[in-house]
């Protein structure tokens, strides 16, 4: 439920002792003395205050997409003044105070904040998109008109707890170390956003777009009016070190595609978030591995080698961490796929670090049993060894005075494989090449049987 306070600030109020407009370096110190630890910009002009105050008098109209700051370009200085004078001077919502949880923050629906530096600002409970109640009986166009424009904005360490950001345009924004606890980011556009170490505990990310994106020409032209270096193509979001918990909702979230890549997930703190709500079948590889596959060749070969080693280790770790999280929630099929990718990547690390023994052993396990995740590998190895040794017995037999039919050679191979070999002739002793070959097959059979049992246990009984 939203509160109904809508007091408009008095634009004529002018605090005493302020620095002049030219004394830019003095403003942060001044705000520190006044207790506004988050303010850094010079006070806006009287004319600007009057304009913003007049905007706040506008009555929102969802049907026609009319909001106080709809399509109005706001600066950090504007936002600082609006926060300080919010609701008749009460100031911004302080999320750490439970009594503020029912307050509504600034109404920034439809505002233009493209590329604006908003780092560390107290933006908790801002109204920057329609709430679930407001979305009822609205069209896609009406919902889009309410979305705040934050493409390329700097929200580093900003406080957006409990914020309404449904449909927010956050492409390419820096959201690292930002606080989104219990915020609504449903249907938001997070393509190319840096969410590294962001707090998303209790956040609603249903249907959020975290994939890569090729910007529409019209949209790109609009963004570059305010941020001229905004890229035409943005990569998927970066989730490194993001914090989730069991209250976070990832229902039907978009995490990438084959064309643009996938979200990077190394060192994510999954925190018992319900991973069953994500369609993992659409994610063949994590973004950490996709980055390696798509990397362009650098001029500095030594630097490239070091970068590749680091990226391979990160990708292996990301896959392993996700596999563990999926396994803990009973998503065994999905977990097995990412666990297998982790082993393949780790094998490459062995090779690049010149650990050839570990590399060869890892390759052997992959071919033999797919690291315990591919039962068919063990079955194919079993059939191949049986047939291979049967052919050897059939060819070698006449040379030692033993003529075997193809069926007899096959039966002899099977019994030898399972350690039950026998000497089918009176003159065949322990030193006979046929007996030695049967002993060798028994040893190979023992190795394959062990891996087969381990694979069966891994595949069907590990929970």
Protein backbone atom coordinates (compact mmCIF):
# COMPACT_ATOMS: atom_id res chain seq x y z
CA UNK A 1 0.00 0.00 0.00
CA UNK A 2 1.35 3.45 -0.95
CA UNK A 3 1.16 6.49 1.27
CA UNK A 4 -0.66 9.55 0.04
CA UNK A 5 1.76 12.31 1.08
CA UNK A 6 2.35 14.69 -1.80
CA UNK A 7 3.57 17.92 -0.17
CA UNK A 8 5.26 20.15 -2.70
CA UNK A 9 8.54 21.77 -1.54
CA UNK A 10 8.72 25.51 -1.09
CA UNK A 11 11.04 26.73 -3.86
CA UNK A 12 11.50 30.09 -2.13
CA UNK A 13 13.28 28.55 0.85
CA UNK A 14 16.98 29.35 0.69
CA UNK A 15 19.36 27.98 3.37
CA UNK A 16 21.95 30.42 4.63
CA UNK A 17 25.69 29.99 4.49
CA UNK A 18 25.76 28.24 1.11
CA UNK A 19 28.82 28.52 -1.14
CA UNK A 20 28.47 30.58 -4.28
CA UNK A 21 27.84 28.86 -7.59
CA UNK A 22 31.50 29.28 -8.48
CA UNK A 23 32.76 27.52 -5.35
CA UNK A 24 32.11 24.00 -6.60
CA UNK A 25 34.77 22.38 -4.40
CA UNK A 26 33.13 23.77 -1.27
CA UNK A 27 29.71 22.25 -1.86
CA UNK A 28 30.49 18.66 -0.70
CA UNK A 29 31.96 20.05 2.54
CA UNK A 30 28.94 22.27 2.99
CA UNK A 31 26.52 19.37 2.59
CA UNK A 32 28.56 17.27 5.01
CA UNK A 33 28.16 20.03 7.61
CA UNK A 34 24.42 20.13 6.95
CA UNK A 35 24.11 16.35 7.46
CA UNK A 36 23.47 15.50 3.80
CA UNK A 37 26.25 12.98 3.41
CA UNK A 38 25.01 11.92 -0.02
CA UNK A 39 24.88 15.40 -1.59
CA UNK A 40 27.78 16.49 -3.79
CA UNK A 41 26.37 19.02 -6.28
CA UNK A 42 25.75 22.74 -6.09
CA UNK A 43 22.28 23.90 -5.11
CA UNK A 44 20.08 24.33 -8.18
CA UNK A 45 18.90 27.80 -9.17
CA UNK A 46 15.73 29.40 -7.88
CA UNK A 47 14.24 29.18 -11.36
CA UNK A 48 14.94 25.46 -11.51
CA UNK A 49 13.42 24.90 -8.06
CA UNK A 50 10.25 26.68 -9.11
CA UNK A 51 10.04 24.57 -12.26
CA UNK A 52 10.50 21.27 -10.37
CA UNK A 53 8.01 22.29 -7.70
CA UNK A 54 5.47 23.10 -10.40
CA UNK A 55 6.08 19.68 -11.97
CA UNK A 56 5.28 18.01 -8.67
CA UNK A 57 1.83 19.62 -8.67
CA UNK A 58 0.85 17.59 -11.74
CA UNK A 59 -1.68 14.84 -11.09
CA UNK A 60 -0.42 11.48 -12.45
CA UNK A 61 -2.57 9.95 -15.18
CA UNK A 62 -1.64 6.34 -15.96
CA UNK A 63 -4.08 6.09 -18.85
CA UNK A 64 -2.48 8.98 -20.74
CA UNK A 65 1.06 8.45 -19.41
CA UNK A 66 1.25 11.77 -17.57
CA UNK A 67 3.62 12.00 -14.59
CA UNK A 68 5.40 14.83 -12.75
CA UNK A 69 8.68 14.40 -14.61
CA UNK A 70 7.58 12.53 -17.72
CA UNK A 71 10.32 12.94 -20.38
CA UNK A 72 11.95 15.72 -18.33
CA UNK A 73 15.73 15.65 -18.18
CA UNK A 74 16.84 15.58 -14.53
CA UNK A 75 20.37 16.02 -13.27
CA UNK A 76 21.96 14.70 -10.09
CA UNK A 77 21.61 18.18 -8.58
CA UNK A 78 17.87 18.07 -9.34
CA UNK A 79 17.51 14.67 -7.70
CA UNK A 80 19.47 15.79 -4.63
CA UNK A 81 17.19 18.79 -4.15
CA UNK A 82 14.07 16.70 -4.69
CA UNK A 83 15.27 14.15 -2.13
CA UNK A 84 16.13 16.79 0.45
CA UNK A 85 12.72 18.49 0.08
CA UNK A 86 10.70 15.30 -0.41
CA UNK A 87 7.27 15.29 1.22
CA UNK A 88 7.47 18.75 2.67
CA UNK A 89 11.03 18.42 3.89
CA UNK A 90 10.84 14.96 5.45
CA UNK A 91 13.65 13.95 3.14
CA UNK A 92 14.36 10.63 1.45
CA UNK A 93 13.03 7.27 2.59
CA UNK A 94 15.44 5.70 5.08
CA UNK A 95 15.13 1.96 4.50
CA UNK A 96 16.91 1.04 7.73
CA UNK A 97 14.00 2.67 9.57
CA UNK A 98 11.01 0.23 9.47
CA UNK A 99 8.62 3.16 9.93
CA UNK A 100 9.67 4.43 6.50
CA UNK A 101 8.77 1.23 4.68
CA UNK A 102 5.26 2.49 3.91
CA UNK A 103 6.48 5.85 2.66
CA UNK A 104 6.73 6.38 -1.07
CA UNK A 105 9.90 7.82 -2.52
CA UNK A 106 10.23 10.25 -5.40
CA UNK A 107 7.85 9.82 -8.32
CA UNK A 108 10.28 9.44 -11.21
CA UNK A 109 7.98 7.61 -13.59
CA UNK A 110 8.95 8.38 -17.16
CA UNK A 111 11.82 10.68 -16.14
CA UNK A 112 14.95 11.02 -18.28
CA UNK A 113 18.02 10.08 -16.21
CA UNK A 114 20.10 8.65 -19.05
CA UNK A 115 23.78 8.57 -18.15
CA UNK A 116 23.27 10.55 -14.93
CA UNK A 117 25.65 9.96 -12.01
CA UNK A 118 23.38 8.87 -9.14
CA UNK A 119 25.94 6.92 -7.13
CA UNK A 120 25.31 6.48 -3.40
CA UNK A 121 22.00 8.37 -3.45
CA UNK A 122 19.17 7.31 -1.08
CA UNK A 123 16.57 6.30 -3.68
CA UNK A 124 14.69 3.74 -1.61
CA UNK A 125 11.03 3.25 -2.54
CA UNK A 126 11.23 5.48 -5.61
CA UNK A 127 8.20 5.24 -7.87
CA UNK A 128 9.95 4.65 -11.20
CA UNK A 129 7.52 2.21 -12.80
CA UNK A 130 4.01 0.95 -12.26
CA UNK A 131 3.27 -1.12 -9.18
CA UNK A 132 1.52 -4.47 -9.52
CA UNK A 133 -1.76 -2.83 -8.56
CA UNK A 134 -1.29 -0.01 -11.06
CA UNK A 135 -0.44 -2.47 -13.85
CA UNK A 136 -3.92 -4.00 -13.71
CA UNK A 137 -5.89 -3.28 -16.89
CA UNK A 138 -3.04 -1.31 -18.48
CA UNK A 139 -1.69 -1.67 -21.99
CA UNK A 140 1.93 -2.37 -22.92
CA UNK A 141 2.23 1.23 -24.13
CA UNK A 142 0.92 2.63 -20.86
CA UNK A 143 3.38 0.50 -18.90
CA UNK A 144 6.24 1.62 -21.14
CA UNK A 145 5.37 5.30 -20.65
CA UNK A 146 5.76 4.90 -16.89
CA UNK A 147 9.21 3.32 -17.10
CA UNK A 148 12.13 5.46 -15.94
CA UNK A 149 15.00 6.00 -18.39
CA UNK A 150 18.27 5.05 -16.72
CA UNK A 151 20.33 3.74 -19.63
CA UNK A 152 24.03 4.09 -18.87
CA UNK A 153 23.35 5.68 -15.48
CA UNK A 154 25.76 5.31 -12.57
CA UNK A 155 23.95 3.77 -9.61
CA UNK A 156 27.06 2.48 -7.86
CA UNK A 157 26.25 1.87 -4.17
CA UNK A 158 22.87 3.57 -4.60
CA UNK A 159 20.08 2.58 -2.22
CA UNK A 160 17.01 1.42 -4.11
CA UNK A 161 15.49 -0.86 -1.49
CA UNK A 162 11.79 -1.38 -2.07
CA UNK A 163 11.89 0.66 -5.28
CA UNK A 164 9.29 0.21 -8.00
CA UNK A 165 11.35 -0.22 -11.18
CA UNK A 166 9.01 -2.34 -13.27
CA UNK A 167 10.02 -2.00 -16.91
CA UNK A 168 12.87 0.35 -16.02
CA UNK A 169 15.33 0.97 -18.83
CA UNK A 170 18.65 0.13 -17.22
CA UNK A 171 20.64 -0.99 -20.26
CA UNK A 172 24.35 -0.52 -19.69
CA UNK A 173 23.85 0.95 -16.22
CA UNK A 174 26.40 0.52 -13.45
CA UNK A 175 24.47 -1.15 -10.63
CA UNK A 176 27.50 -2.57 -8.84
CA UNK A 177 27.18 -2.71 -5.05
CA UNK A 178 23.72 -1.17 -5.31
CA UNK A 179 21.00 -2.21 -2.87
CA UNK A 180 17.84 -3.57 -4.49
CA UNK A 181 16.51 -5.52 -1.51
CA UNK A 182 12.76 -6.09 -1.98
CA UNK A 183 12.71 -3.92 -5.09
CA UNK A 184 10.46 -4.70 -8.04
CA UNK A 185 12.50 -5.13 -11.23
CA UNK A 186 9.90 -7.11 -13.12
CA UNK A 187 10.11 -6.68 -16.89
CA UNK A 188 13.08 -4.33 -16.39
CA UNK A 189 15.74 -4.00 -19.08
CA UNK A 190 19.08 -4.99 -17.58
CA UNK A 191 20.89 -5.76 -20.82
CA UNK A 192 24.55 -4.88 -20.38
CA UNK A 193 24.03 -3.78 -16.78
CA UNK A 194 26.84 -4.33 -14.29
CA UNK A 195 25.26 -5.92 -11.23
CA UNK A 196 28.54 -7.00 -9.66
CA UNK A 197 28.16 -7.36 -5.88
CA UNK A 198 24.62 -5.93 -6.04
CA UNK A 199 22.18 -6.93 -3.31
CA UNK A 200 19.03 -8.48 -4.76
CA UNK A 201 17.73 -10.24 -1.68
CA UNK A 202 13.95 -10.31 -1.89
CA UNK A 203 13.95 -8.54 -5.27
CA UNK A 204 11.36 -9.45 -7.90
CA UNK A 205 13.18 -10.08 -11.21
CA UNK A 206 10.36 -11.85 -12.99
CA UNK A 207 10.62 -11.51 -16.79
CA UNK A 208 13.59 -9.14 -16.44
CA UNK A 209 15.82 -8.89 -19.52
CA UNK A 210 19.43 -9.69 -18.60
CA UNK A 211 20.47 -10.86 -22.07
CA UNK A 212 22.58 -8.98 -24.61
CA UNK A 213 20.93 -6.55 -26.98
CA UNK A 214 21.46 -4.80 -30.29
CA UNK A 215 20.05 -1.33 -29.64
CA UNK A 216 17.28 -0.11 -31.87
CA UNK A 217 18.43 2.77 -34.08
CA UNK A 218 15.76 5.17 -32.83
CA UNK A 219 16.42 4.29 -29.18
CA UNK A 220 20.19 4.53 -29.62
CA UNK A 221 19.88 7.96 -31.22
CA UNK A 222 17.76 9.12 -28.27
CA UNK A 223 20.22 7.78 -25.67
CA UNK A 224 23.25 9.29 -27.39
CA UNK A 225 21.76 12.76 -27.04
CA UNK A 226 22.69 12.44 -23.37
CA UNK A 227 25.40 9.76 -23.39
CA UNK A 228 27.30 9.93 -26.64
CA UNK A 229 29.52 6.90 -25.96
CA UNK A 230 26.65 4.48 -25.38
CA UNK A 231 27.40 1.27 -27.35
CA UNK A 232 25.26 0.07 -30.21
CA UNK A 233 25.47 -3.47 -28.91
CA UNK A 234 25.43 -4.28 -25.20
CA UNK A 235 26.59 -7.55 -23.67
CA UNK A 236 24.49 -9.60 -21.23
CA UNK A 237 24.35 -8.45 -17.61
CA UNK A 238 27.21 -9.20 -15.24
CA UNK A 239 26.04 -11.03 -12.09
CA UNK A 240 29.43 -11.56 -10.51
CA UNK A 241 29.18 -11.63 -6.68
CA UNK A 242 25.45 -10.77 -6.79
CA UNK A 243 23.54 -11.57 -3.58
CA UNK A 244 20.24 -13.47 -3.74
CA UNK A 245 18.16 -15.14 -1.06
CA UNK A 246 15.12 -17.40 -0.89
CA UNK A 247 12.82 -14.37 -1.22
CA UNK A 248 14.32 -13.33 -4.58
CA UNK A 249 12.06 -14.16 -7.53
CA UNK A 250 13.64 -15.12 -10.87
CA UNK A 251 10.46 -16.29 -12.56
CA UNK A 252 10.91 -16.47 -16.36
CA UNK A 253 13.97 -14.22 -16.30
CA UNK A 254 15.90 -13.85 -19.58
CA UNK A 255 19.57 -14.74 -19.17
CA UNK A 256 20.87 -14.60 -22.72
CA UNK A 257 20.87 -16.17 -26.15
CA UNK A 258 23.26 -17.67 -28.68
CA UNK A 259 23.61 -14.43 -30.63
CA UNK A 260 24.53 -12.04 -27.83
CA UNK A 261 25.86 -14.37 -25.14
CA UNK A 262 24.76 -15.24 -21.63
CA UNK A 263 24.89 -13.75 -18.15
CA UNK A 264 28.18 -14.09 -16.25
CA UNK A 265 27.57 -15.87 -12.93
CA UNK A 266 30.93 -16.48 -11.30
CA UNK A 267 30.89 -16.23 -7.49
CA UNK A 268 27.15 -15.53 -7.29
CA UNK A 269 25.78 -15.92 -3.76
CA UNK A 270 22.69 -17.95 -4.63
CA UNK A 271 21.33 -17.93 -1.07
CA UNK A 272 18.62 -20.57 -1.61
CA UNK A 273 16.89 -18.60 -4.37
CA UNK A 274 14.41 -20.83 -6.20
CA UNK A 275 16.37 -21.83 -9.31
CA UNK A 276 13.56 -24.01 -10.63
CA UNK A 277 11.91 -20.83 -11.93
CA UNK A 278 14.67 -20.36 -14.51
CA UNK A 279 14.53 -22.18 -17.84
CA UNK A 280 18.05 -23.61 -17.80
CA UNK A 281 17.48 -25.50 -21.07
CA UNK A 282 17.86 -22.20 -22.90
CA UNK A 283 21.31 -21.66 -21.40
CA UNK A 284 23.80 -24.07 -23.03
CA UNK A 285 26.78 -22.26 -21.50
CA UNK A 286 27.24 -19.56 -18.88
CA UNK A 287 28.42 -16.13 -19.90
CA UNK A 288 31.78 -16.75 -18.24
CA UNK A 289 32.46 -19.55 -20.73
CA UNK A 290 30.81 -17.78 -23.65
CA UNK A 291 33.28 -14.94 -23.18
CA UNK A 292 36.14 -17.37 -23.77
CA UNK A 293 34.53 -18.82 -26.88
CA UNK A 294 33.98 -15.37 -28.39
CA UNK A 295 37.21 -13.70 -27.31
CA UNK A 296 39.07 -11.78 -29.99
CA UNK A 297 42.80 -12.21 -30.41
CA UNK A 298 44.90 -9.59 -28.61
CA UNK A 299 48.23 -8.24 -29.77
CA UNK A 300 49.99 -8.98 -26.48
CA UNK A 301 50.28 -12.78 -26.52
CA UNK A 302 51.59 -12.98 -22.96
CA UNK A 303 48.78 -10.81 -21.65
CA UNK A 304 46.30 -12.88 -23.65
CA UNK A 305 47.58 -16.11 -22.15
CA UNK A 306 47.26 -14.73 -18.62
CA UNK A 307 43.79 -13.40 -19.34
CA UNK A 308 42.69 -16.69 -20.82
CA UNK A 309 43.97 -18.65 -17.83
CA UNK A 310 42.05 -16.39 -15.46
CA UNK A 311 38.89 -16.62 -17.58
CA UNK A 312 39.06 -20.42 -17.80
CA UNK A 313 39.38 -20.72 -14.03
CA UNK A 314 36.50 -18.32 -13.47
CA UNK A 315 34.31 -20.15 -15.97
CA UNK A 316 35.06 -23.51 -14.34
CA UNK A 317 34.26 -22.06 -10.92
CA UNK A 318 31.01 -20.47 -12.13
CA UNK A 319 29.77 -23.76 -13.60
CA UNK A 320 30.76 -25.70 -10.48
CA UNK A 321 29.05 -23.21 -8.15
CA UNK A 322 25.83 -23.24 -10.16
CA UNK A 323 25.88 -27.05 -10.36
CA UNK A 324 26.12 -27.28 -6.57
CA UNK A 325 23.24 -24.83 -6.12
CA UNK A 326 21.08 -26.74 -8.61
CA UNK A 327 21.97 -30.09 -7.03
CA UNK A 328 20.93 -28.85 -3.58
CA UNK A 329 17.49 -28.02 -4.98
CA UNK A 330 17.04 -31.42 -6.62
CA UNK A 331 17.56 -30.15 -10.17
CA UNK A 332 19.85 -33.06 -10.98
CA UNK A 333 19.63 -33.00 -14.77
CA UNK A 334 20.52 -29.32 -14.95
CA UNK A 335 23.23 -29.71 -12.32
CA UNK A 336 24.87 -32.57 -14.21
CA UNK A 337 25.21 -30.47 -17.36
CA UNK A 338 26.95 -27.57 -15.64
CA UNK A 339 29.11 -29.88 -13.50
CA UNK A 340 30.31 -31.56 -16.69
CA UNK A 341 31.17 -28.18 -18.24
CA UNK A 342 33.17 -27.33 -15.12
CA UNK A 343 35.27 -30.47 -15.54
CA UNK A 344 35.92 -29.77 -19.23
CA UNK A 345 37.07 -26.24 -18.44
CA UNK A 346 39.24 -27.45 -15.59
CA UNK A 347 40.91 -29.87 -17.98
CA UNK A 348 41.90 -26.94 -20.18
CA UNK A 349 43.39 -25.25 -17.13
CA UNK A 350 45.55 -28.36 -16.54
CA UNK A 351 46.78 -28.20 -20.13
CA UNK A 352 47.61 -24.49 -20.02
CA UNK A 353 49.47 -24.95 -16.74
CA UNK A 354 51.50 -27.80 -18.29
CA UNK A 355 50.09 -30.39 -15.89
CA UNK A 356 50.03 -33.02 -18.56
CA UNK A 357 49.49 -35.98 -16.26
CA UNK A 358 46.34 -34.44 -14.77
CA UNK A 359 45.21 -33.35 -18.21
CA UNK A 360 45.55 -36.85 -19.70
CA UNK A 361 43.85 -38.49 -16.73
CA UNK A 362 41.01 -35.96 -16.96
CA UNK A 363 40.68 -36.61 -20.69
CA UNK A 364 40.61 -40.36 -20.01
CA UNK A 365 37.79 -39.94 -17.49
CA UNK A 366 35.84 -37.81 -19.96
CA UNK A 367 36.16 -40.34 -22.77
CA UNK A 368 35.45 -43.27 -20.48
CA UNK A 369 32.55 -41.95 -18.44
CA UNK A 370 32.01 -38.27 -19.14
CA UNK A 371 33.27 -37.54 -15.60
CA UNK A 372 30.48 -39.68 -14.26
CA UNK A 373 27.73 -37.72 -16.00
CA UNK A 374 27.53 -39.63 -19.31
CA UNK A 375 26.44 -43.25 -18.87
CA UNK A 376 26.57 -43.91 -22.61
CA UNK A 377 30.33 -43.33 -22.67
CA UNK A 378 30.87 -46.22 -20.27
CA UNK A 379 28.55 -48.46 -22.29
CA UNK A 380 30.32 -47.61 -25.56
CA UNK A 381 33.70 -48.28 -23.92
CA UNK A 382 32.41 -51.66 -22.70
CA UNK A 383 31.20 -52.70 -26.15
CA UNK A 384 34.33 -51.40 -27.86
CA UNK A 385 36.69 -53.32 -25.56
CA UNK A 386 34.69 -56.56 -25.86
CA UNK A 387 34.66 -56.41 -29.67
CA UNK A 388 38.27 -55.26 -29.91
CA UNK A 389 39.64 -58.07 -27.78
CA UNK A 390 37.36 -60.62 -29.48
CA UNK A 391 38.92 -59.68 -32.82
CA UNK A 392 42.38 -59.99 -31.28
CA UNK A 393 41.59 -63.50 -29.98
CA UNK A 394 40.19 -64.51 -33.35
CA UNK A 395 43.32 -63.34 -35.18
CA UNK A 396 45.88 -64.48 -32.58
CA UNK A 397 44.28 -67.88 -31.88
CA UNK A 398 45.51 -69.79 -34.98
CA UNK A 399 49.07 -68.58 -34.31
CA UNK A 400 49.12 -70.40 -30.97
CA UNK A 401 47.26 -73.46 -32.19
CA UNK A 402 43.76 -72.41 -31.18
CA UNK A 403 41.13 -71.88 -33.85
CA UNK A 404 38.17 -69.90 -32.52
CA UNK A 405 34.96 -69.13 -34.32
CA UNK A 406 33.76 -65.50 -34.14
CA UNK A 407 31.17 -66.52 -31.54
CA UNK A 408 33.77 -68.33 -29.43
CA UNK A 409 36.12 -65.35 -29.62
CA UNK A 410 33.30 -63.05 -28.49
CA UNK A 411 32.37 -65.31 -25.55
CA UNK A 412 36.02 -65.64 -24.58
CA UNK A 413 36.34 -61.82 -24.63
CA UNK A 414 33.28 -61.31 -22.42
CA UNK A 415 34.40 -63.82 -19.80
CA UNK A 416 37.91 -62.39 -19.79
CA UNK A 417 36.58 -58.85 -19.46
CA UNK A 418 34.73 -59.75 -16.28
CA UNK A 419 37.74 -61.52 -14.76
CA UNK A 420 36.57 -65.02 -15.49
CA UNK A 421 38.99 -65.89 -18.27
CA UNK A 422 39.92 -69.53 -18.89
CA UNK A 423 42.34 -71.51 -21.05
CA UNK A 424 40.32 -73.22 -23.79
CA UNK A 425 43.12 -75.61 -24.69
CA UNK A 426 45.36 -78.16 -22.97
CA UNK A 427 48.59 -76.64 -24.30
CA UNK A 428 47.87 -73.01 -23.40
CA UNK A 429 49.81 -72.04 -20.29
CA UNK A 430 50.07 -68.81 -18.29
CA UNK A 431 52.83 -67.49 -20.52
CA UNK A 432 50.85 -67.97 -23.70
CA UNK A 433 50.16 -64.68 -25.54
CA UNK A 434 46.45 -65.51 -25.54
CA UNK A 435 46.43 -65.88 -21.75
CA UNK A 436 48.42 -62.66 -21.31
CA UNK A 437 45.96 -60.86 -23.56
CA UNK A 438 43.05 -62.24 -21.52
CA UNK A 439 44.71 -60.98 -18.31
CA UNK A 440 45.15 -57.56 -19.86
CA UNK A 441 41.48 -57.49 -20.82
CA UNK A 442 40.51 -58.44 -17.27
CA UNK A 443 42.48 -55.43 -15.98
CA UNK A 444 40.88 -53.09 -18.50
CA UNK A 445 37.51 -54.56 -17.64
CA UNK A 446 38.08 -53.86 -13.96
CA UNK A 447 38.78 -50.18 -14.68
CA UNK A 448 35.69 -49.85 -16.87
CA UNK A 449 33.48 -51.65 -14.36
CA UNK A 450 34.61 -49.31 -11.59
CA UNK A 451 33.90 -46.23 -13.70
CA UNK A 452 30.58 -47.70 -14.83
CA UNK A 453 29.48 -48.26 -11.22
CA UNK A 454 30.65 -44.77 -10.27
CA UNK A 455 28.74 -43.30 -13.20
CA UNK A 456 25.58 -45.21 -12.27
CA UNK A 457 25.87 -43.96 -8.71
CA UNK A 458 26.50 -40.38 -9.86
CA UNK A 459 23.69 -40.48 -12.39
CA UNK A 460 20.88 -42.16 -10.49
CA UNK A 461 21.60 -42.37 -6.79
CA UNK A 462 23.32 -39.13 -5.85
CA UNK A 463 20.80 -36.76 -4.29
